[in-house]
Amino acid sequence: MTRSASPPAAIDYWATLGLEPGADAAALKRAFRQQARRWHPDLNGNDPVAEERFKRVNEAYAVLSDPKRRQAWERGQEAGGAQSGSRDRFASGFPAFEEYLEALFGRTTTAASDDDDEPEDGPTDLADEEPPEPTAAPASAPAGRSREHGGGRVTQAPASPPPVQASADLETTVELTPEQSLAGERLELSLPDGTVVELWTPPLAGDGWRLRLAGVAPGGADHFIQLRVCTPEGLRIDGLRVLYTLDLFPPAAALGCRAVVPTLQGDVQLTVPPGSSSGRLLRLRGRGLAHRGQRGDQLVEIRIVVPEQLNDAEAALYRRLEQLAEQAEAEAEAG
């Protein structure tokens, strides 16, 4: 096939669709459908340039798929684009994405308005697109069969295909060691369509961080990366700080105790003050990560846990504690 060179025009329609000049009709349709889905405003609500790109994609397909308009464009003449007398089908807004896909696959979308006697000229009216896959018709009227009705013949239409579902954001969990989180780590993420994305995690990244890759998921959705930076002992990393949750039974938290706590440098004994409630933070200075002359601390969070089952003696003690608490509250109100 002979490839024709693109004319010196303000807009290169071949480049707009990502094609080499002179591509055949099948490649033209395929590229148009891919680019239209990529830039439809319904799927790019936060992208200010998506609307303009979507118009360019439609205009490029309208010109290149019409032999007369394509020849005029190749000669450097007006090709019936935005400057021509033809109406802009997007002047009053964009069709819903579902309706747009219906037109894209060759099905009728909406009825023309009363003052619109002639069919619109544009790439969203693709009568030559391949029809959808045949689907089974209802049992009362099988597809491909007709029945008599009122002296005429009525043909039952096939059942409609399932509705198109909107694209959704994707998420991948990536585990890092404390050392990898300090300077940043190179990652290779394989997307569902086979594309491999290379990225680096930020330095001093922490456990629970979410990194956003905008527009790389199918349909223009985002792909999020959830970082997990922790050790087998339960230490969680947040920059130079180390976080640890210490579970205590109520007596130990109420009376105080000494507990063994893991750190990056080994186990240490921690003194828990009496009257420690859930959420209290105890600091172990200098037990965090070191980076460029700085060293972080380790924070130990107290969490009070209750035994799942109590024996009779334990239950009796808890009831007695409840009675004492109620008595103390009553005395405080009376006094």
C-alpha atoms as a PDB file:
ATOM      1  CA  MET A   1       0.000   0.000   0.000  1.00  0.00           C
ATOM      2  CA  THR A   2       1.305   3.434  -0.915  1.00  0.00           C
ATOM      3  CA  ARG A   3       1.572   5.820   1.975  1.00  0.00           C
ATOM      4  CA  SER A   4       0.593   9.395   1.270  1.00  0.00           C
ATOM      5  CA  ALA A   5       2.397  12.260   2.934  1.00  0.00           C
ATOM      6  CA  SER A   6       0.492  14.576   5.238  1.00  0.00           C
ATOM      7  CA  PRO A   7      -0.117  18.064   3.819  1.00  0.00           C
ATOM      8  CA  PRO A   8       1.212  21.168   5.482  1.00  0.00           C
ATOM      9  CA  ALA A   9      -1.970  21.851   7.505  1.00  0.00           C
ATOM     10  CA  ALA A  10      -2.537  23.427  10.885  1.00  0.00           C
ATOM     11  CA  ILE A  11      -3.773  20.098  12.304  1.00  0.00           C
ATOM     12  CA  ASP A  12      -2.231  16.737  11.413  1.00  0.00           C
ATOM     13  CA  TYR A  13      -5.234  14.409  11.592  1.00  0.00           C
ATOM     14  CA  TRP A  14      -3.054  11.308  11.206  1.00  0.00           C
ATOM     15  CA  ALA A  15      -1.001  12.306  14.244  1.00  0.00           C
ATOM     16  CA  THR A  16      -4.176  13.117  16.194  1.00  0.00           C
ATOM     17  CA  LEU A  17      -5.270   9.477  15.850  1.00  0.00           C
ATOM     18  CA  GLY A  18      -1.736   8.136  16.360  1.00  0.00           C
ATOM     19  CA  LEU A  19      -1.485   6.717  12.832  1.00  0.00           C
ATOM     20  CA  GLU A  20       1.020   6.796  10.007  1.00  0.00           C
ATOM     21  CA  PRO A  21      -0.221   8.708   6.915  1.00  0.00           C
ATOM     22  CA  GLY A  22      -2.204   6.479   4.546  1.00  0.00           C
ATOM     23  CA  ALA A  23      -3.391   3.913   7.102  1.00  0.00           C
ATOM     24  CA  ASP A  24      -6.215   1.667   5.870  1.00  0.00           C
ATOM     25  CA  ALA A  25      -9.868   1.926   6.920  1.00  0.00           C
ATOM     26  CA  ALA A  26      -9.657  -0.843   9.531  1.00  0.00           C
ATOM     27  CA  ALA A  27      -6.704   0.795  11.289  1.00  0.00           C
ATOM     28  CA  LEU A  28      -8.485   4.156  11.069  1.00  0.00           C
ATOM     29  CA  LYS A  29     -11.604   2.807  12.819  1.00  0.00           C
ATOM     30  CA  ARG A  30      -9.582   1.007  15.449  1.00  0.00           C
ATOM     31  CA  ALA A  31      -7.502   4.078  16.273  1.00  0.00           C
ATOM     32  CA  PHE A  32     -10.574   6.296  16.405  1.00  0.00           C
ATOM     33  CA  ARG A  33     -12.394   4.018  18.836  1.00  0.00           C
ATOM     34  CA  GLN A  34      -9.368   3.828  21.114  1.00  0.00           C
ATOM     35  CA  GLN A  35      -8.771   7.573  21.155  1.00  0.00           C
ATOM     36  CA  ALA A  36     -12.483   8.390  21.575  1.00  0.00           C
ATOM     37  CA  ARG A  37     -12.714   6.199  24.651  1.00  0.00           C
ATOM     38  CA  ARG A  38      -9.468   7.663  25.984  1.00  0.00           C
ATOM     39  CA  TRP A  39     -10.590  11.308  25.770  1.00  0.00           C
ATOM     40  CA  HIS A  40     -14.376  11.198  26.280  1.00  0.00           C
ATOM     41  CA  PRO A  41     -15.256  13.884  28.885  1.00  0.00           C
ATOM     42  CA  ASP A  42     -17.295  11.390  30.948  1.00  0.00           C
ATOM     43  CA  LEU A  43     -14.075   9.529  31.754  1.00  0.00           C
ATOM     44  CA  ASN A  44     -11.845  12.585  32.208  1.00  0.00           C
ATOM     45  CA  GLY A  45     -13.785  14.859  34.531  1.00  0.00           C
ATOM     46  CA  ASN A  46     -10.610  16.290  36.090  1.00  0.00           C
ATOM     47  CA  ASP A  47      -8.724  16.801  32.821  1.00  0.00           C
ATOM     48  CA  PRO A  48      -9.242  20.302  31.380  1.00  0.00           C
ATOM     49  CA  VAL A  49      -7.821  19.357  27.950  1.00  0.00           C
ATOM     50  CA  ALA A  50      -9.887  16.180  27.461  1.00  0.00           C
ATOM     51  CA  GLU A  51     -12.841  18.000  25.880  1.00  0.00           C
ATOM     52  CA  GLU A  52     -10.685  19.678  23.246  1.00  0.00           C
ATOM     53  CA  ARG A  53      -8.814  16.431  22.508  1.00  0.00           C
ATOM     54  CA  PHE A  54     -12.123  14.582  22.140  1.00  0.00           C
ATOM     55  CA  LYS A  55     -13.313  17.158  19.576  1.00  0.00           C
ATOM     56  CA  ARG A  56     -10.027  16.846  17.682  1.00  0.00           C
ATOM     57  CA  VAL A  57     -10.338  13.038  17.570  1.00  0.00           C
ATOM     58  CA  ASN A  58     -13.887  13.235  16.164  1.00  0.00           C
ATOM     59  CA  GLU A  59     -12.885  15.880  13.632  1.00  0.00           C
ATOM     60  CA  ALA A  60      -9.871  13.831  12.514  1.00  0.00           C
ATOM     61  CA  TYR A  61     -11.978  10.713  11.941  1.00  0.00           C
ATOM     62  CA  ALA A  62     -14.723  12.704  10.176  1.00  0.00           C
ATOM     63  CA  VAL A  63     -12.207  14.069   7.679  1.00  0.00           C
ATOM     64  CA  LEU A  64     -10.077  10.952   7.121  1.00  0.00           C
ATOM     65  CA  SER A  65     -13.063   8.604   6.757  1.00  0.00           C
ATOM     66  CA  ASP A  66     -14.736  10.797   4.111  1.00  0.00           C
ATOM     67  CA  PRO A  67     -12.899  10.512   0.737  1.00  0.00           C
ATOM     68  CA  LYS A  68     -13.964  13.981  -0.455  1.00  0.00           C
ATOM     69  CA  ARG A  69     -13.086  15.769   2.760  1.00  0.00           C
ATOM     70  CA  ARG A  70      -9.829  13.828   3.004  1.00  0.00           C
ATOM     71  CA  GLN A  71      -8.809  14.820  -0.538  1.00  0.00           C
ATOM     72  CA  ALA A  72      -9.620  18.454   0.197  1.00  0.00           C
ATOM     73  CA  TRP A  73      -7.549  18.314   3.391  1.00  0.00           C
ATOM     74  CA  GLU A  74      -4.611  16.680   1.597  1.00  0.00           C
ATOM     75  CA  ARG A  75      -4.684  19.539  -0.950  1.00  0.00           C
ATOM     76  CA  GLY A  76      -4.513  22.032   1.909  1.00  0.00           C
ATOM     77  CA  GLN A  77      -8.110  23.186   1.467  1.00  0.00           C
ATOM     78  CA  GLU A  78     -10.919  23.450   4.008  1.00  0.00           C
ATOM     79  CA  ALA A  79     -12.031  19.914   4.879  1.00  0.00           C
ATOM     80  CA  GLY A  80     -15.399  20.696   6.431  1.00  0.00           C
ATOM     81  CA  GLY A  81     -14.054  20.986  10.011  1.00  0.00           C
ATOM     82  CA  ALA A  82     -14.819  23.651  12.537  1.00  0.00           C
ATOM     83  CA  GLN A  83     -14.446  26.408   9.883  1.00  0.00           C
ATOM     84  CA  SER A  84     -16.910  24.903   7.429  1.00  0.00           C
ATOM     85  CA  GLY A  85     -20.650  25.395   7.251  1.00  0.00           C
ATOM     86  CA  SER A  86     -21.401  22.016   8.820  1.00  0.00           C
ATOM     87  CA  ARG A  87     -22.802  22.027  12.329  1.00  0.00           C
ATOM     88  CA  ASP A  88     -20.671  21.173  15.332  1.00  0.00           C
ATOM     89  CA  ARG A  89     -22.421  18.164  16.932  1.00  0.00           C
ATOM     90  CA  PHE A  90     -20.749  19.015  20.257  1.00  0.00           C
ATOM     91  CA  ALA A  91     -21.707  22.710  20.312  1.00  0.00           C
ATOM     92  CA  SER A  92     -24.437  22.063  22.883  1.00  0.00           C
ATOM     93  CA  GLY A  93     -22.538  19.539  24.992  1.00  0.00           C
ATOM     94  CA  PHE A  94     -21.444  15.917  24.758  1.00  0.00           C
ATOM     95  CA  PRO A  95     -23.645  12.817  24.591  1.00  0.00           C
ATOM     96  CA  ALA A  96     -23.611  10.517  27.579  1.00  0.00           C
ATOM     97  CA  PHE A  97     -20.832   7.973  27.333  1.00  0.00           C
ATOM     98  CA  GLU A  98     -23.315   5.091  27.106  1.00  0.00           C
ATOM     99  CA  GLU A  99     -25.118   6.781  24.201  1.00  0.00           C
ATOM    100  CA  TYR A 100     -21.802   7.557  22.581  1.00  0.00           C
ATOM    101  CA  LEU A 101     -20.777   3.892  22.726  1.00  0.00           C
ATOM    102  CA  GLU A 102     -24.112   2.850  21.227  1.00  0.00           C
ATOM    103  CA  ALA A 103     -23.454   5.119  18.264  1.00  0.00           C
ATOM    104  CA  LEU A 104     -19.871   3.878  18.150  1.00  0.00           C
ATOM    105  CA  PHE A 105     -21.047   0.274  17.700  1.00  0.00           C
ATOM    106  CA  GLY A 106     -23.540   1.130  14.998  1.00  0.00           C
ATOM    107  CA  ARG A 107     -26.860   1.248  16.939  1.00  0.00           C
ATOM    108  CA  THR A 108     -29.368   4.102  16.810  1.00  0.00           C
ATOM    109  CA  THR A 109     -29.014   6.422  19.793  1.00  0.00           C
ATOM    110  CA  THR A 110     -31.615   9.179  20.058  1.00  0.00           C
ATOM    111  CA  ALA A 111     -34.263  10.447  17.693  1.00  0.00           C
ATOM    112  CA  ALA A 112     -33.543  13.597  15.678  1.00  0.00           C
ATOM    113  CA  SER A 113     -35.186  16.834  16.744  1.00  0.00           C
ATOM    114  CA  ASP A 114     -38.171  18.273  14.851  1.00  0.00           C
ATOM    115  CA  ASP A 115     -36.090  20.911  13.050  1.00  0.00           C
ATOM    116  CA  ASP A 116     -33.360  18.471  12.092  1.00  0.00           C
ATOM    117  CA  ASP A 117     -34.457  17.023   8.729  1.00  0.00           C
ATOM    118  CA  GLU A 118     -31.070  15.833   7.531  1.00  0.00           C
ATOM    119  CA  PRO A 119     -28.856  13.269   9.296  1.00  0.00           C
ATOM    120  CA  GLU A 120     -25.876  14.697  11.121  1.00  0.00           C
ATOM    121  CA  ASP A 121     -22.442  14.277   9.603  1.00  0.00           C
ATOM    122  CA  GLY A 122     -19.863  13.185  12.156  1.00  0.00           C
ATOM    123  CA  PRO A 123     -17.807  10.264  13.407  1.00  0.00           C
ATOM    124  CA  THR A 124     -20.227   9.337  16.173  1.00  0.00           C
ATOM    125  CA  ASP A 125     -22.772   8.140  13.605  1.00  0.00           C
ATOM    126  CA  LEU A 126     -20.928   4.982  12.500  1.00  0.00           C
ATOM    127  CA  ALA A 127     -23.406   3.069  10.360  1.00  0.00           C
ATOM    128  CA  ASP A 128     -20.580   1.048   8.824  1.00  0.00           C
ATOM    129  CA  GLU A 129     -19.285  -0.237  12.159  1.00  0.00           C
ATOM    130  CA  GLU A 130     -19.479  -3.954  12.863  1.00  0.00           C
ATOM    131  CA  PRO A 131     -22.833  -4.921  14.455  1.00  0.00           C
ATOM    132  CA  PRO A 132     -22.847  -6.224  18.030  1.00  0.00           C
ATOM    133  CA  GLU A 133     -22.602  -9.909  18.774  1.00  0.00           C
ATOM    134  CA  PRO A 134     -26.021 -11.629  18.493  1.00  0.00           C
ATOM    135  CA  THR A 135     -27.702 -12.365  21.798  1.00  0.00           C
ATOM    136  CA  ALA A 136     -30.480 -14.742  22.733  1.00  0.00           C
ATOM    137  CA  ALA A 137     -34.027 -13.343  22.494  1.00  0.00           C
ATOM    138  CA  PRO A 138     -36.772 -13.892  25.100  1.00  0.00           C
ATOM    139  CA  ALA A 139     -38.462 -17.290  25.073  1.00  0.00           C
ATOM    140  CA  SER A 140     -41.784 -15.744  24.002  1.00  0.00           C
ATOM    141  CA  ALA A 141     -40.275 -14.346  20.815  1.00  0.00           C
ATOM    142  CA  PRO A 142     -37.106 -16.139  19.634  1.00  0.00           C
ATOM    143  CA  ALA A 143     -34.609 -14.080  17.652  1.00  0.00           C
ATOM    144  CA  GLY A 144     -34.786 -14.570  13.904  1.00  0.00           C
ATOM    145  CA  ARG A 145     -38.507 -15.411  13.954  1.00  0.00           C
ATOM    146  CA  SER A 146     -41.549 -13.257  13.221  1.00  0.00           C
ATOM    147  CA  ARG A 147     -45.228 -13.512  14.079  1.00  0.00           C
ATOM    148  CA  GLU A 148     -48.482 -12.243  12.566  1.00  0.00           C
ATOM    149  CA  HIS A 149     -50.197  -9.335  14.290  1.00  0.00           C
ATOM    150  CA  GLY A 150     -53.265  -7.440  13.044  1.00  0.00           C
ATOM    151  CA  GLY A 151     -52.815  -8.558   9.463  1.00  0.00           C
ATOM    152  CA  GLY A 152     -49.154  -7.570   9.361  1.00  0.00           C
ATOM    153  CA  ARG A 153     -45.832  -9.213  10.196  1.00  0.00           C
ATOM    154  CA  VAL A 154     -43.996  -8.104  13.330  1.00  0.00           C
ATOM    155  CA  THR A 155     -40.354  -9.107  13.771  1.00  0.00           C
ATOM    156  CA  GLN A 156     -39.097  -9.440  17.339  1.00  0.00           C
ATOM    157  CA  ALA A 157     -35.840  -7.561  17.897  1.00  0.00           C
ATOM    158  CA  PRO A 158     -32.982  -9.381  19.638  1.00  0.00           C
ATOM    159  CA  ALA A 159     -32.384  -8.690  23.308  1.00  0.00           C
ATOM    160  CA  SER A 160     -30.240  -5.684  24.182  1.00  0.00           C
ATOM    161  CA  PRO A 161     -26.649  -6.343  25.246  1.00  0.00           C
ATOM    162  CA  PRO A 162     -25.689  -5.747  28.890  1.00  0.00           C
ATOM    163  CA  PRO A 163     -25.059  -2.112  29.839  1.00  0.00           C
ATOM    164  CA  VAL A 164     -21.556  -0.710  29.611  1.00  0.00           C
ATOM    165  CA  GLN A 165     -19.994  -0.353  33.034  1.00  0.00           C
ATOM    166  CA  ALA A 166     -17.953   2.726  33.860  1.00  0.00           C
ATOM    167  CA  SER A 167     -14.249   2.263  34.407  1.00  0.00           C
ATOM    168  CA  ALA A 168     -13.047   1.981  38.011  1.00  0.00           C
ATOM    169  CA  ASP A 169      -9.814   2.901  39.728  1.00  0.00           C
ATOM    170  CA  LEU A 170      -7.362   0.092  40.401  1.00  0.00           C
ATOM    171  CA  GLU A 171      -5.059  -0.439  43.379  1.00  0.00           C
ATOM    172  CA  THR A 172      -1.917  -2.496  43.961  1.00  0.00           C
ATOM    173  CA  THR A 173      -0.206  -3.171  47.302  1.00  0.00           C
ATOM    174  CA  VAL A 174       3.605  -2.972  47.319  1.00  0.00           C
ATOM    175  CA  GLU A 175       5.721  -4.080  50.293  1.00  0.00           C
ATOM    176  CA  LEU A 176       8.972  -2.266  51.117  1.00  0.00           C
ATOM    177  CA  THR A 177      11.633  -2.894  53.731  1.00  0.00           C
ATOM    178  CA  PRO A 178      12.580  -0.041  56.097  1.00  0.00           C
ATOM    179  CA  GLU A 179      15.844   0.409  54.187  1.00  0.00           C
ATOM    180  CA  GLN A 180      14.051   0.634  50.830  1.00  0.00           C
ATOM    181  CA  SER A 181      11.675   3.292  52.179  1.00  0.00           C
ATOM    182  CA  LEU A 182      14.526   5.611  53.180  1.00  0.00           C
ATOM    183  CA  ALA A 183      16.028   6.462  49.794  1.00  0.00           C
ATOM    184  CA  GLY A 184      13.131   5.415  47.531  1.00  0.00           C
ATOM    185  CA  GLU A 185      12.736   2.226  45.551  1.00  0.00           C
ATOM    186  CA  ARG A 186      12.389   1.616  41.814  1.00  0.00           C
ATOM    187  CA  LEU A 187       9.164  -0.241  40.973  1.00  0.00           C
ATOM    188  CA  GLU A 188       7.849  -1.838  37.777  1.00  0.00           C
ATOM    189  CA  LEU A 189       4.062  -2.064  37.678  1.00  0.00           C
ATOM    190  CA  SER A 190       2.389  -4.315  35.081  1.00  0.00           C
ATOM    191  CA  LEU A 191      -1.007  -2.939  34.003  1.00  0.00           C
ATOM    192  CA  PRO A 192      -3.913  -5.187  32.891  1.00  0.00           C
ATOM    193  CA  ASP A 193      -3.360  -4.260  29.236  1.00  0.00           C
ATOM    194  CA  GLY A 194       0.266  -5.446  29.372  1.00  0.00           C
ATOM    195  CA  THR A 195       1.843  -2.008  29.745  1.00  0.00           C
ATOM    196  CA  VAL A 196       4.719  -1.782  32.233  1.00  0.00           C
ATOM    197  CA  VAL A 197       5.060   1.471  34.193  1.00  0.00           C
ATOM    198  CA  GLU A 198       8.366   2.339  35.882  1.00  0.00           C
ATOM    199  CA  LEU A 199       8.308   4.624  38.917  1.00  0.00           C
ATOM    200  CA  TRP A 200      10.247   5.481  42.084  1.00  0.00           C
ATOM    201  CA  THR A 201       8.729   5.681  45.536  1.00  0.00           C
ATOM    202  CA  PRO A 202       9.320   8.972  47.407  1.00  0.00           C
ATOM    203  CA  PRO A 203      12.184   9.057  49.917  1.00  0.00           C
ATOM    204  CA  LEU A 204      11.167   8.527  53.550  1.00  0.00           C
ATOM    205  CA  ALA A 205       7.898   6.916  52.470  1.00  0.00           C
ATOM    206  CA  GLY A 206       5.708   5.536  55.238  1.00  0.00           C
ATOM    207  CA  ASP A 207       3.420   2.608  55.832  1.00  0.00           C
ATOM    208  CA  GLY A 208      -0.052   3.269  54.421  1.00  0.00           C
ATOM    209  CA  TRP A 209       1.029   5.851  51.843  1.00  0.00           C
ATOM    210  CA  ARG A 210      -0.947   5.823  48.571  1.00  0.00           C
ATOM    211  CA  LEU A 211       0.702   6.858  45.314  1.00  0.00           C
ATOM    212  CA  ARG A 212      -1.562   7.928  42.435  1.00  0.00           C
ATOM    213  CA  LEU A 213      -0.830   7.133  38.786  1.00  0.00           C
ATOM    214  CA  ALA A 214      -3.302   9.343  36.958  1.00  0.00           C
ATOM    215  CA  GLY A 215      -5.065   8.051  33.841  1.00  0.00           C
ATOM    216  CA  VAL A 216      -3.085   4.833  33.328  1.00  0.00           C
ATOM    217  CA  ALA A 217      -5.903   2.375  34.132  1.00  0.00           C
ATOM    218  CA  PRO A 218      -8.378   1.237  31.431  1.00  0.00           C
ATOM    219  CA  GLY A 219     -10.859   3.914  30.440  1.00  0.00           C
ATOM    220  CA  GLY A 220      -8.663   6.719  31.783  1.00  0.00           C
ATOM    221  CA  ALA A 221      -9.084   5.712  35.427  1.00  0.00           C
ATOM    222  CA  ASP A 222      -6.350   6.079  38.051  1.00  0.00           C
ATOM    223  CA  HIS A 223      -4.113   3.355  39.452  1.00  0.00           C
ATOM    224  CA  PHE A 224      -3.181   3.664  43.130  1.00  0.00           C
ATOM    225  CA  ILE A 225      -0.192   2.047  44.818  1.00  0.00           C
ATOM    226  CA  GLN A 226      -0.612   1.222  48.519  1.00  0.00           C
ATOM    227  CA  LEU A 227       2.741   1.062  50.333  1.00  0.00           C
ATOM    228  CA  ARG A 228       3.310  -1.372  53.186  1.00  0.00           C
ATOM    229  CA  VAL A 229       6.480  -0.668  55.206  1.00  0.00           C
ATOM    230  CA  CYS A 230       6.625  -2.910  58.268  1.00  0.00           C
ATOM    231  CA  THR A 231       8.651  -5.698  59.891  1.00  0.00           C
ATOM    232  CA  PRO A 232       7.630  -9.210  60.980  1.00  0.00           C
ATOM    233  CA  GLU A 233       7.648  -8.013  64.609  1.00  0.00           C
ATOM    234  CA  GLY A 234       4.873  -5.511  63.877  1.00  0.00           C
ATOM    235  CA  LEU A 235       6.990  -2.355  63.580  1.00  0.00           C
ATOM    236  CA  ARG A 236       5.560   0.150  61.102  1.00  0.00           C
ATOM    237  CA  ILE A 237       7.702   2.796  59.404  1.00  0.00           C
ATOM    238  CA  ASP A 238       6.657   6.433  58.927  1.00  0.00           C
ATOM    239  CA  GLY A 239       9.603   8.405  57.589  1.00  0.00           C
ATOM    240  CA  LEU A 240      12.279   8.188  60.296  1.00  0.00           C
ATOM    241  CA  ARG A 241       9.768   7.249  62.993  1.00  0.00           C
ATOM    242  CA  VAL A 242       8.877   3.714  64.012  1.00  0.00           C
ATOM    243  CA  LEU A 243       5.377   2.926  65.264  1.00  0.00           C
ATOM    244  CA  TYR A 244       4.372  -0.025  67.428  1.00  0.00           C
ATOM    245  CA  THR A 245       1.080  -1.025  69.083  1.00  0.00           C
ATOM    246  CA  LEU A 246       1.344  -2.610  72.540  1.00  0.00           C
ATOM    247  CA  ASP A 247      -1.663  -4.666  73.660  1.00  0.00           C
ATOM    248  CA  LEU A 248      -2.324  -4.714  77.425  1.00  0.00           C
ATOM    249  CA  PHE A 249      -5.007  -6.304  79.577  1.00  0.00           C
ATOM    250  CA  PRO A 250      -6.974  -3.874  81.777  1.00  0.00           C
ATOM    251  CA  PRO A 251      -5.144  -4.705  85.050  1.00  0.00           C
ATOM    252  CA  ALA A 252      -1.723  -4.027  83.524  1.00  0.00           C
ATOM    253  CA  ALA A 253      -2.890  -0.738  82.033  1.00  0.00           C
ATOM    254  CA  ALA A 254      -4.592   0.350  85.219  1.00  0.00           C
ATOM    255  CA  LEU A 255      -1.828  -0.603  87.660  1.00  0.00           C
ATOM    256  CA  GLY A 256       1.193  -0.080  85.388  1.00  0.00           C
ATOM    257  CA  CYS A 257       3.680  -2.709  84.298  1.00  0.00           C
ATOM    258  CA  ARG A 258       6.924  -3.440  82.475  1.00  0.00           C
ATOM    259  CA  ALA A 259       6.563  -4.811  78.950  1.00  0.00           C
ATOM    260  CA  VAL A 260       9.045  -6.138  76.383  1.00  0.00           C
ATOM    261  CA  VAL A 261       8.839  -4.107  73.164  1.00  0.00           C
ATOM    262  CA  PRO A 262      10.639  -4.903  69.858  1.00  0.00           C
ATOM    263  CA  THR A 263      12.722  -2.213  68.126  1.00  0.00           C
ATOM    264  CA  LEU A 264      14.867  -2.143  64.987  1.00  0.00           C
ATOM    265  CA  GLN A 265      17.911  -2.586  67.262  1.00  0.00           C
ATOM    266  CA  GLY A 266      16.435  -5.430  69.357  1.00  0.00           C
ATOM    267  CA  ASP A 267      14.014  -5.924  72.260  1.00  0.00           C
ATOM    268  CA  VAL A 268      13.872  -3.401  75.118  1.00  0.00           C
ATOM    269  CA  GLN A 269      11.916  -3.164  78.372  1.00  0.00           C
ATOM    270  CA  LEU A 270       9.360  -0.395  78.543  1.00  0.00           C
ATOM    271  CA  THR A 271       7.808   0.939  81.738  1.00  0.00           C
ATOM    272  CA  VAL A 272       4.075   1.566  81.307  1.00  0.00           C
ATOM    273  CA  PRO A 273       2.811   4.180  83.821  1.00  0.00           C
ATOM    274  CA  PRO A 274      -0.304   3.374  85.902  1.00  0.00           C
ATOM    275  CA  GLY A 275      -3.611   4.604  84.530  1.00  0.00           C
ATOM    276  CA  SER A 276      -2.626   4.256  80.859  1.00  0.00           C
ATOM    277  CA  SER A 277      -5.640   4.334  78.556  1.00  0.00           C
ATOM    278  CA  SER A 278      -5.944   3.175  74.946  1.00  0.00           C
ATOM    279  CA  GLY A 279      -4.310   5.626  72.561  1.00  0.00           C
ATOM    280  CA  ARG A 280      -1.603   6.806  74.955  1.00  0.00           C
ATOM    281  CA  LEU A 281       1.784   7.214  73.223  1.00  0.00           C
ATOM    282  CA  LEU A 282       5.087   6.372  74.918  1.00  0.00           C
ATOM    283  CA  ARG A 283       8.328   7.528  73.293  1.00  0.00           C
ATOM    284  CA  LEU A 284      11.557   5.527  72.909  1.00  0.00           C
ATOM    285  CA  ARG A 285      14.084   8.163  71.893  1.00  0.00           C
ATOM    286  CA  GLY A 286      16.612   7.327  69.187  1.00  0.00           C
ATOM    287  CA  ARG A 287      15.006   3.982  68.337  1.00  0.00           C
ATOM    288  CA  GLY A 288      13.871   5.030  64.868  1.00  0.00           C
ATOM    289  CA  LEU A 289      15.640   5.043  61.493  1.00  0.00           C
ATOM    290  CA  ALA A 290      18.827   7.004  60.805  1.00  0.00           C
ATOM    291  CA  HIS A 291      19.281   9.040  57.612  1.00  0.00           C
ATOM    292  CA  ARG A 292      21.796  11.779  56.763  1.00  0.00           C
ATOM    293  CA  GLY A 293      22.788  12.422  60.340  1.00  0.00           C
ATOM    294  CA  GLN A 294      19.254  12.367  61.720  1.00  0.00           C
ATOM    295  CA  ARG A 295      17.622   9.619  63.760  1.00  0.00           C
ATOM    296  CA  GLY A 296      13.958   9.258  64.554  1.00  0.00           C
ATOM    297  CA  ASP A 297      12.157   7.957  67.635  1.00  0.00           C
ATOM    298  CA  GLN A 298       9.900   4.986  68.196  1.00  0.00           C
ATOM    299  CA  LEU A 299       6.367   5.631  69.398  1.00  0.00           C
ATOM    300  CA  VAL A 300       4.543   2.907  71.323  1.00  0.00           C
ATOM    301  CA  GLU A 301       0.747   3.174  71.326  1.00  0.00           C
ATOM    302  CA  ILE A 302      -1.153   1.550  74.197  1.00  0.00           C
ATOM    303  CA  ARG A 303      -4.185  -0.527  73.245  1.00  0.00           C
ATOM    304  CA  ILE A 304      -6.281  -2.141  75.996  1.00  0.00           C
ATOM    305  CA  VAL A 305      -7.745  -5.531  75.082  1.00  0.00           C
ATOM    306  CA  VAL A 306     -10.302  -7.575  77.007  1.00  0.00           C
ATOM    307  CA  PRO A 307     -10.170 -11.395  77.193  1.00  0.00           C
ATOM    308  CA  GLU A 308     -12.710 -13.071  74.972  1.00  0.00           C
ATOM    309  CA  GLN A 309     -13.797 -15.438  77.794  1.00  0.00           C
ATOM    310  CA  LEU A 310     -13.811 -14.835  81.577  1.00  0.00           C
ATOM    311  CA  ASN A 311     -13.937 -17.480  84.276  1.00  0.00           C
ATOM    312  CA  ASP A 312     -16.286 -17.082  87.213  1.00  0.00           C
ATOM    313  CA  ALA A 313     -13.710 -15.438  89.460  1.00  0.00           C
ATOM    314  CA  GLU A 314     -12.710 -12.905  86.807  1.00  0.00           C
ATOM    315  CA  ALA A 315     -16.331 -12.109  86.026  1.00  0.00           C
ATOM    316  CA  ALA A 316     -17.030 -11.556  89.730  1.00  0.00           C
ATOM    317  CA  LEU A 317     -14.103  -9.139  89.996  1.00  0.00           C
ATOM    318  CA  TYR A 318     -15.275  -7.148  86.961  1.00  0.00           C
ATOM    319  CA  ARG A 319     -18.791  -6.924  88.474  1.00  0.00           C
ATOM    320  CA  ARG A 320     -17.268  -5.693  91.737  1.00  0.00           C
ATOM    321  CA  LEU A 321     -15.257  -3.080  89.825  1.00  0.00           C
ATOM    322  CA  GLU A 322     -18.437  -1.949  88.105  1.00  0.00           C
ATOM    323  CA  GLN A 323     -20.181  -1.581  91.481  1.00  0.00           C
ATOM    324  CA  LEU A 324     -17.283   0.469  92.880  1.00  0.00           C
ATOM    325  CA  ALA A 325     -17.310   2.728  89.828  1.00  0.00           C
ATOM    326  CA  GLU A 326     -21.056   3.338  90.158  1.00  0.00           C
ATOM    327  CA  GLN A 327     -20.645   4.027  93.897  1.00  0.00           C
ATOM    328  CA  ALA A 328     -17.854   6.530  93.254  1.00  0.00           C
ATOM    329  CA  GLU A 329     -19.944   8.291  90.624  1.00  0.00           C
ATOM    330  CA  ALA A 330     -22.917   8.556  92.973  1.00  0.00           C
ATOM    331  CA  GLU A 331     -20.746  10.012  95.752  1.00  0.00           C
ATOM    332  CA  ALA A 332     -19.277  12.549  93.350  1.00  0.00           C
ATOM    333  CA  GLU A 333     -22.738  13.720  92.295  1.00  0.00           C
ATOM    334  CA  ALA A 334     -23.924  13.912  95.928  1.00  0.00           C
ATOM    335  CA  GLY A 335     -20.890  15.857  97.055  1.00  0.00           C
END
